[in-house]
């Protein structure tokens, strides 16, 4: 089509818009592939005899957030491409040949670098982080997590692609935009450990696990989309080292997709009005999520909560003591079990699992 209509920019733009106005249908056409890869992930984890990270309620929450993220397309479709085509038609400086391999190579690098810039700023500007943190809110890490997206994020990401519209044809850009998005689906998994030499160039599951971690060494690292070279160049790279614990530094403890979308914005709103001084109020919006009066732009690294894995051992103790209670209704064991649970709860662990433990306790006493 580009070859036939070369030079007829309005016609080319119209065809691209009509095609990508099918965004919702395009999204649903991916679903069979998503399901197939999710099934493959389960199968591989079973062959590897490892426990797959994931809970049913978290997976449902991720799917719900993925569907919600597509709903705005009903009213505002393809804002990224429409804005790109507008700049191309009215302000382009020159036109790279669409059929040159070098144009495609340059666009690949350009789209990925634009994603790196947007992704990094989404972590470093509070109002953008309010949207992006939804993707990080899961404490599981599997292919469902890739579908966990924000309703609002797409309405800021398009800005970072506009410089390419000064010289790269929209048709070439549109292809690479989709490729960059689809590539990032498969890296949300734990079943792939290391890809050898490719780890130096590509963003891999290992690198992206670090990005989703809430360990202090993982915070604000590995922003790349397809390539990891940008992180290596700009000093934001971190290799996977200690066991990664996933989720936000301050967990939301909810699977409600509506609450997950709105709560970060409500937090900024409340903080904005509670912070004294006009400049400080602006800083609440445009500085990092860890910022506070008197702190650096991105907050203090020492204030990042230290991840303590001892809660896993405490959980085992509670469950093991419950099992003993099934076999021996001794009052001593009941006292020990209650004391262990109270101690763990007071230390701040198990609070997100409190309702489930209570439910399990009631079910046990039915028998």
Protein backbone atom coordinates (compact mmCIF):
# COMPACT_ATOMS: atom_id res chain seq x y z
CA UNK A 1 0.00 0.00 0.00
CA UNK A 2 2.83 2.38 0.84
CA UNK A 3 4.46 1.68 -2.53
CA UNK A 4 1.24 2.41 -4.45
CA UNK A 5 0.35 5.52 -2.47
CA UNK A 6 3.88 6.87 -2.01
CA UNK A 7 3.66 10.62 -1.72
CA UNK A 8 -0.10 10.58 -1.07
CA UNK A 9 0.29 11.05 2.68
CA UNK A 10 -3.37 11.64 3.47
CA UNK A 11 -4.36 8.34 1.87
CA UNK A 12 -1.61 6.44 3.64
CA UNK A 13 -2.58 8.00 6.96
CA UNK A 14 -6.25 7.17 6.43
CA UNK A 15 -5.48 3.51 5.78
CA UNK A 16 -3.30 3.29 8.91
CA UNK A 17 -5.96 4.96 11.05
CA UNK A 18 -8.71 2.68 9.76
CA UNK A 19 -6.57 -0.36 10.45
CA UNK A 20 -5.57 0.60 13.95
CA UNK A 21 -9.02 1.77 14.90
CA UNK A 22 -9.59 -1.95 15.20
CA UNK A 23 -7.41 -1.89 18.33
CA UNK A 24 -9.91 -3.78 20.47
CA UNK A 25 -10.39 -6.50 17.83
CA UNK A 26 -6.63 -6.65 17.42
CA UNK A 27 -6.25 -7.12 21.17
CA UNK A 28 -8.77 -9.95 21.21
CA UNK A 29 -7.02 -11.61 18.26
CA UNK A 30 -3.97 -11.94 20.52
CA UNK A 31 -5.93 -13.77 23.21
CA UNK A 32 -5.47 -17.30 21.75
CA UNK A 33 -1.71 -16.70 21.73
CA UNK A 34 -1.78 -15.36 25.28
CA UNK A 35 -3.71 -18.42 26.45
CA UNK A 36 -1.39 -20.78 24.57
CA UNK A 37 1.74 -19.25 26.13
CA UNK A 38 0.18 -19.21 29.60
CA UNK A 39 -0.64 -22.91 29.19
CA UNK A 40 2.91 -23.56 27.98
CA UNK A 41 4.27 -21.76 31.04
CA UNK A 42 2.26 -24.05 33.31
CA UNK A 43 3.44 -27.12 31.38
CA UNK A 44 7.12 -26.14 31.53
CA UNK A 45 6.89 -25.37 35.24
CA UNK A 46 5.36 -28.82 35.78
CA UNK A 47 8.16 -30.49 33.81
CA UNK A 48 10.73 -28.52 35.81
CA UNK A 49 8.96 -29.72 38.98
CA UNK A 50 8.78 -26.22 40.32
CA UNK A 51 5.96 -24.29 41.89
CA UNK A 52 4.58 -21.72 39.47
CA UNK A 53 4.35 -18.26 41.01
CA UNK A 54 0.71 -17.33 40.92
CA UNK A 55 -2.67 -17.27 42.61
CA UNK A 56 -6.04 -17.63 40.95
CA UNK A 57 -7.37 -14.38 42.38
CA UNK A 58 -4.26 -12.50 41.29
CA UNK A 59 -4.53 -13.93 37.77
CA UNK A 60 -8.19 -12.90 37.54
CA UNK A 61 -7.24 -9.43 38.77
CA UNK A 62 -4.56 -9.15 36.07
CA UNK A 63 -6.99 -10.22 33.36
CA UNK A 64 -9.57 -7.71 34.61
CA UNK A 65 -7.00 -4.92 34.56
CA UNK A 66 -5.99 -5.93 31.04
CA UNK A 67 -9.58 -5.68 29.83
CA UNK A 68 -10.11 -2.37 31.61
CA UNK A 69 -6.99 -0.96 29.96
CA UNK A 70 -8.60 -1.49 26.54
CA UNK A 71 -11.96 0.12 27.33
CA UNK A 72 -10.85 3.74 26.71
CA UNK A 73 -10.20 2.74 23.09
CA UNK A 74 -13.97 2.78 22.60
CA UNK A 75 -13.85 6.61 22.82
CA UNK A 76 -10.19 7.46 22.12
CA UNK A 77 -8.72 5.04 19.63
CA UNK A 78 -5.08 4.93 18.57
CA UNK A 79 -4.09 8.24 20.14
CA UNK A 80 -0.44 7.25 19.68
CA UNK A 81 -0.80 6.76 15.92
CA UNK A 82 -3.17 9.67 15.29
CA UNK A 83 -0.81 12.12 17.01
CA UNK A 84 2.17 10.60 15.19
CA UNK A 85 0.48 10.94 11.79
CA UNK A 86 -0.52 14.53 12.54
CA UNK A 87 3.09 15.50 13.22
CA UNK A 88 4.25 13.53 10.17
CA UNK A 89 1.78 15.24 7.84
CA UNK A 90 2.40 18.77 9.10
CA UNK A 91 5.90 19.04 10.57
CA UNK A 92 8.20 16.35 9.21
CA UNK A 93 11.67 17.60 8.32
CA UNK A 94 12.46 14.90 5.74
CA UNK A 95 11.24 11.46 4.75
CA UNK A 96 13.30 8.32 5.15
CA UNK A 97 12.53 5.69 2.48
CA UNK A 98 10.05 3.20 3.88
CA UNK A 99 11.59 0.30 1.92
CA UNK A 100 15.17 0.79 3.15
CA UNK A 101 16.41 -1.77 5.70
CA UNK A 102 18.26 1.04 7.50
CA UNK A 103 14.96 2.85 8.10
CA UNK A 104 13.61 -0.28 9.76
CA UNK A 105 16.76 -0.74 11.88
CA UNK A 106 16.66 2.91 12.96
CA UNK A 107 12.96 2.69 13.82
CA UNK A 108 13.55 -0.43 15.90
CA UNK A 109 16.16 1.44 17.94
CA UNK A 110 14.08 4.61 18.08
CA UNK A 111 10.90 2.93 19.34
CA UNK A 112 12.82 0.99 21.96
CA UNK A 113 14.75 4.06 23.16
CA UNK A 114 11.51 6.06 23.36
CA UNK A 115 10.03 3.27 25.47
CA UNK A 116 13.07 3.30 27.77
CA UNK A 117 12.70 7.07 28.31
CA UNK A 118 8.97 6.84 28.96
CA UNK A 119 9.34 3.81 31.24
CA UNK A 120 12.06 5.46 33.30
CA UNK A 121 10.12 8.71 33.69
CA UNK A 122 7.05 6.69 34.68
CA UNK A 123 9.03 5.51 37.71
CA UNK A 124 10.54 8.91 38.50
CA UNK A 125 7.50 11.22 38.17
CA UNK A 126 4.81 10.60 40.76
CA UNK A 127 1.76 11.36 38.61
CA UNK A 128 3.00 8.97 35.91
CA UNK A 129 3.94 6.37 38.53
CA UNK A 130 0.34 6.50 39.79
CA UNK A 131 -0.68 4.90 36.50
CA UNK A 132 2.31 2.64 35.91
CA UNK A 133 2.44 1.16 39.41
CA UNK A 134 -0.65 -0.90 38.58
CA UNK A 135 1.58 -3.10 36.44
CA UNK A 136 3.87 -3.61 39.45
CA UNK A 137 1.14 -4.25 42.02
CA UNK A 138 1.12 -8.04 41.62
CA UNK A 139 3.17 -10.04 44.11
CA UNK A 140 3.23 -12.94 41.63
CA UNK A 141 5.32 -13.02 38.48
CA UNK A 142 3.99 -14.93 35.49
CA UNK A 143 2.52 -14.27 32.06
CA UNK A 144 -0.72 -13.02 33.63
CA UNK A 145 1.32 -10.12 35.03
CA UNK A 146 2.05 -8.88 31.49
CA UNK A 147 -1.68 -8.24 31.00
CA UNK A 148 -1.85 -6.11 34.16
CA UNK A 149 -2.02 -2.63 32.62
CA UNK A 150 -3.24 0.87 33.45
CA UNK A 151 -6.22 2.62 31.90
CA UNK A 152 -4.37 5.97 31.82
CA UNK A 153 -0.80 5.12 30.85
CA UNK A 154 -1.28 5.16 27.09
CA UNK A 155 -2.36 8.81 27.19
CA UNK A 156 1.15 9.93 28.14
CA UNK A 157 3.38 7.36 26.42
CA UNK A 158 2.60 8.67 22.90
CA UNK A 159 4.47 11.92 23.53
CA UNK A 160 7.83 10.16 23.58
CA UNK A 161 7.35 8.78 20.06
CA UNK A 162 6.66 12.13 18.37
CA UNK A 163 10.30 13.06 17.56
CA UNK A 164 10.44 10.07 15.20
CA UNK A 165 7.46 11.49 13.28
CA UNK A 166 9.80 14.20 11.97
CA UNK A 167 11.44 11.70 9.60
CA UNK A 168 10.17 8.09 10.02
CA UNK A 169 7.07 7.03 8.01
CA UNK A 170 4.00 6.13 10.11
CA UNK A 171 3.66 2.69 8.53
CA UNK A 172 7.14 1.65 9.67
CA UNK A 173 6.59 3.14 13.14
CA UNK A 174 3.25 1.31 13.53
CA UNK A 175 4.83 -2.09 12.91
CA UNK A 176 7.63 -1.55 15.43
CA UNK A 177 5.21 -0.17 18.03
CA UNK A 178 3.29 -3.45 17.96
CA UNK A 179 6.47 -5.53 17.93
CA UNK A 180 7.87 -3.74 20.98
CA UNK A 181 4.62 -4.33 22.89
CA UNK A 182 4.34 -8.02 21.99
CA UNK A 183 7.98 -8.74 22.80
CA UNK A 184 7.46 -7.68 26.40
CA UNK A 185 4.76 -10.30 27.00
CA UNK A 186 7.03 -13.36 27.16
CA UNK A 187 9.61 -11.88 29.54
CA UNK A 188 7.10 -11.99 32.43
CA UNK A 189 7.97 -15.51 33.52
CA UNK A 190 10.10 -17.42 36.02
CA UNK A 191 10.46 -20.62 33.98
CA UNK A 192 13.30 -19.17 31.85
CA UNK A 193 16.40 -18.65 33.93
CA UNK A 194 19.22 -17.36 31.70
CA UNK A 195 19.77 -16.84 27.96
CA UNK A 196 23.56 -16.73 28.00
CA UNK A 197 25.22 -14.13 25.73
CA UNK A 198 21.82 -12.67 24.77
CA UNK A 199 21.58 -11.30 28.32
CA UNK A 200 24.10 -8.61 27.27
CA UNK A 201 21.84 -7.22 24.54
CA UNK A 202 18.20 -8.21 25.03
CA UNK A 203 15.79 -7.52 27.84
CA UNK A 204 15.23 -11.04 29.16
CA UNK A 205 13.03 -12.66 31.83
CA UNK A 206 15.98 -12.49 34.23
CA UNK A 207 16.45 -8.74 33.71
CA UNK A 208 12.74 -8.01 33.90
CA UNK A 209 12.33 -10.03 37.11
CA UNK A 210 14.72 -7.54 38.70
CA UNK A 211 12.58 -4.68 37.39
CA UNK A 212 9.51 -6.14 39.09
CA UNK A 213 11.30 -6.78 42.38
CA UNK A 214 10.82 -4.80 45.57
CA UNK A 215 14.20 -5.77 47.03
CA UNK A 216 16.26 -2.60 47.57
CA UNK A 217 18.73 -3.66 44.87
CA UNK A 218 15.89 -3.98 42.34
CA UNK A 219 14.30 -0.54 42.74
CA UNK A 220 14.38 1.66 39.60
CA UNK A 221 16.41 -0.78 37.51
CA UNK A 222 16.17 -2.39 34.05
CA UNK A 223 13.70 -0.13 32.21
CA UNK A 224 14.39 -1.56 28.74
CA UNK A 225 11.64 -2.87 26.47
CA UNK A 226 13.27 -5.11 23.88
CA UNK A 227 16.92 -4.15 24.46
CA UNK A 228 18.84 -3.90 27.73
CA UNK A 229 21.63 -1.78 26.20
CA UNK A 230 19.96 1.49 27.24
CA UNK A 231 20.14 0.47 30.90
CA UNK A 232 23.78 -0.46 30.52
CA UNK A 233 24.53 2.89 28.84
CA UNK A 234 22.64 5.10 31.30
CA UNK A 235 23.56 3.26 34.51
CA UNK A 236 20.19 1.73 35.40
CA UNK A 237 21.16 -1.91 34.82
CA UNK A 238 21.19 -4.48 37.60
CA UNK A 239 21.76 -8.22 37.15
CA UNK A 240 19.57 -10.73 38.95
CA UNK A 241 21.34 -11.72 42.14
CA UNK A 242 19.48 -12.50 45.36
CA UNK A 243 16.00 -14.01 45.30
CA UNK A 244 13.57 -11.46 43.89
CA UNK A 245 10.45 -10.59 45.89
CA UNK A 246 7.82 -9.08 43.62
CA UNK A 247 5.37 -6.23 44.08
CA UNK A 248 5.35 -2.69 45.41
CA UNK A 249 7.46 -1.52 48.33
CA UNK A 250 4.14 -0.71 50.04
CA UNK A 251 1.79 -3.54 48.94
CA UNK A 252 -1.81 -2.64 48.11
CA UNK A 253 -3.22 -5.90 49.54
CA UNK A 254 -6.17 -5.96 47.16
CA UNK A 255 -7.29 -7.71 43.99
CA UNK A 256 -10.03 -5.18 43.17
CA UNK A 257 -9.22 -3.85 39.66
CA UNK A 258 -11.15 -0.59 40.13
CA UNK A 259 -9.47 0.15 43.45
CA UNK A 260 -6.05 -0.65 41.97
CA UNK A 261 -6.67 1.91 39.21
CA UNK A 262 -7.97 4.70 41.46
CA UNK A 263 -6.13 4.36 44.77
CA UNK A 264 -2.76 5.75 43.57
CA UNK A 265 -4.48 8.87 42.25
CA UNK A 266 -6.39 9.28 45.50
CA UNK A 267 -3.11 9.02 47.41
CA UNK A 268 -1.55 11.81 45.33
CA UNK A 269 -4.66 13.95 45.81
CA UNK A 270 -4.58 13.55 49.59
CA UNK A 271 -0.81 14.11 49.77
CA UNK A 272 -1.09 17.20 47.57
CA UNK A 273 -3.53 18.92 49.94
CA UNK A 274 -1.72 17.75 53.06
CA UNK A 275 1.67 19.11 51.92
CA UNK A 276 2.32 22.76 52.83
CA UNK A 277 3.71 25.23 50.28
CA UNK A 278 2.89 25.68 46.59
CA UNK A 279 6.29 24.45 45.36
CA UNK A 280 6.05 21.41 47.60
CA UNK A 281 2.59 20.66 46.23
CA UNK A 282 3.98 20.71 42.68
CA UNK A 283 6.79 18.44 43.83
CA UNK A 284 4.23 15.91 45.07
CA UNK A 285 3.02 15.64 41.48
CA UNK A 286 6.22 15.91 39.45
CA UNK A 287 8.97 14.49 41.65
CA UNK A 288 9.50 10.84 42.54
CA UNK A 289 7.03 8.75 44.53
CA UNK A 290 9.51 8.60 47.42
CA UNK A 291 9.97 12.37 47.59
CA UNK A 292 9.05 14.43 50.65
CA UNK A 293 9.97 17.94 51.86
CA UNK A 294 13.71 18.12 52.41
CA UNK A 295 14.43 14.92 50.48
CA UNK A 296 16.17 14.39 47.08
CA UNK A 297 13.99 14.25 43.96
CA UNK A 298 13.69 10.45 44.04
CA UNK A 299 13.59 10.10 47.81
CA UNK A 300 16.08 8.46 50.14
CA UNK A 301 17.30 4.94 49.24
CA UNK A 302 17.59 4.05 52.92
CA UNK A 303 13.83 4.51 53.32
CA UNK A 304 13.08 1.63 50.95
CA UNK A 305 11.65 -1.16 53.13
CA UNK A 306 13.96 -4.13 53.51
CA UNK A 307 12.40 -7.35 52.26
CA UNK A 308 12.36 -9.97 55.00
CA UNK A 309 11.80 -13.52 53.83
CA UNK A 310 11.40 -14.91 57.36
CA UNK A 311 7.66 -14.48 56.98
CA UNK A 312 7.70 -17.63 54.82
CA UNK A 313 9.06 -19.60 57.76
CA UNK A 314 6.45 -18.10 60.08
CA UNK A 315 3.70 -19.05 57.65
CA UNK A 316 5.02 -22.61 57.63
CA UNK A 317 5.00 -22.69 61.45
CA UNK A 318 1.38 -21.56 61.60
CA UNK A 319 0.28 -24.10 58.99
CA UNK A 320 2.32 -26.89 60.60
CA UNK A 321 0.85 -26.21 64.03
CA UNK A 322 -2.63 -26.22 62.50
CA UNK A 323 -1.86 -29.65 61.05
CA UNK A 324 -0.82 -30.88 64.49
CA UNK A 325 -4.09 -29.59 65.88
CA UNK A 326 -5.93 -31.85 63.47
CA UNK A 327 -4.16 -34.82 65.04
CA UNK A 328 -4.08 -33.70 68.65
CA UNK A 329 -6.60 -31.30 70.14
CA UNK A 330 -4.22 -30.45 72.99
CA UNK A 331 -4.76 -27.06 74.56
CA UNK A 332 -1.00 -26.49 74.71
CA UNK A 333 -0.67 -26.69 70.94
CA UNK A 334 -3.60 -24.35 70.50
CA UNK A 335 -1.97 -21.79 72.79
CA UNK A 336 1.35 -22.08 70.92
CA UNK A 337 -0.39 -21.72 67.57
CA UNK A 338 -2.23 -18.58 68.68
CA UNK A 339 0.91 -17.03 70.17
CA UNK A 340 2.89 -17.66 66.98
CA UNK A 341 0.13 -16.15 64.85
CA UNK A 342 -0.21 -13.06 67.07
CA UNK A 343 3.56 -12.53 67.04
CA UNK A 344 3.76 -12.81 63.26
CA UNK A 345 0.79 -10.49 62.79
CA UNK A 346 2.21 -7.87 65.17
CA UNK A 347 5.46 -7.87 63.20
CA UNK A 348 3.47 -6.87 60.13
CA UNK A 349 3.48 -10.17 58.28
CA UNK A 350 0.50 -12.16 57.01
CA UNK A 351 -1.80 -9.14 57.06
CA UNK A 352 -2.69 -9.54 53.41
CA UNK A 353 -3.46 -13.21 54.09
CA UNK A 354 -5.43 -12.52 57.27
CA UNK A 355 -8.86 -13.05 55.73
CA UNK A 356 -7.78 -16.31 54.11
CA UNK A 357 -6.25 -17.66 57.32
CA UNK A 358 -9.42 -16.80 59.21
CA UNK A 359 -11.51 -18.57 56.62
CA UNK A 360 -9.25 -21.64 56.77
CA UNK A 361 -9.49 -21.66 60.57
CA UNK A 362 -13.31 -21.64 60.47
CA UNK A 363 -13.41 -24.42 57.86
CA UNK A 364 -11.08 -26.57 59.99
CA UNK A 365 -13.36 -26.27 63.03
CA UNK A 366 -16.34 -27.44 60.96
CA UNK A 367 -14.70 -30.86 61.08
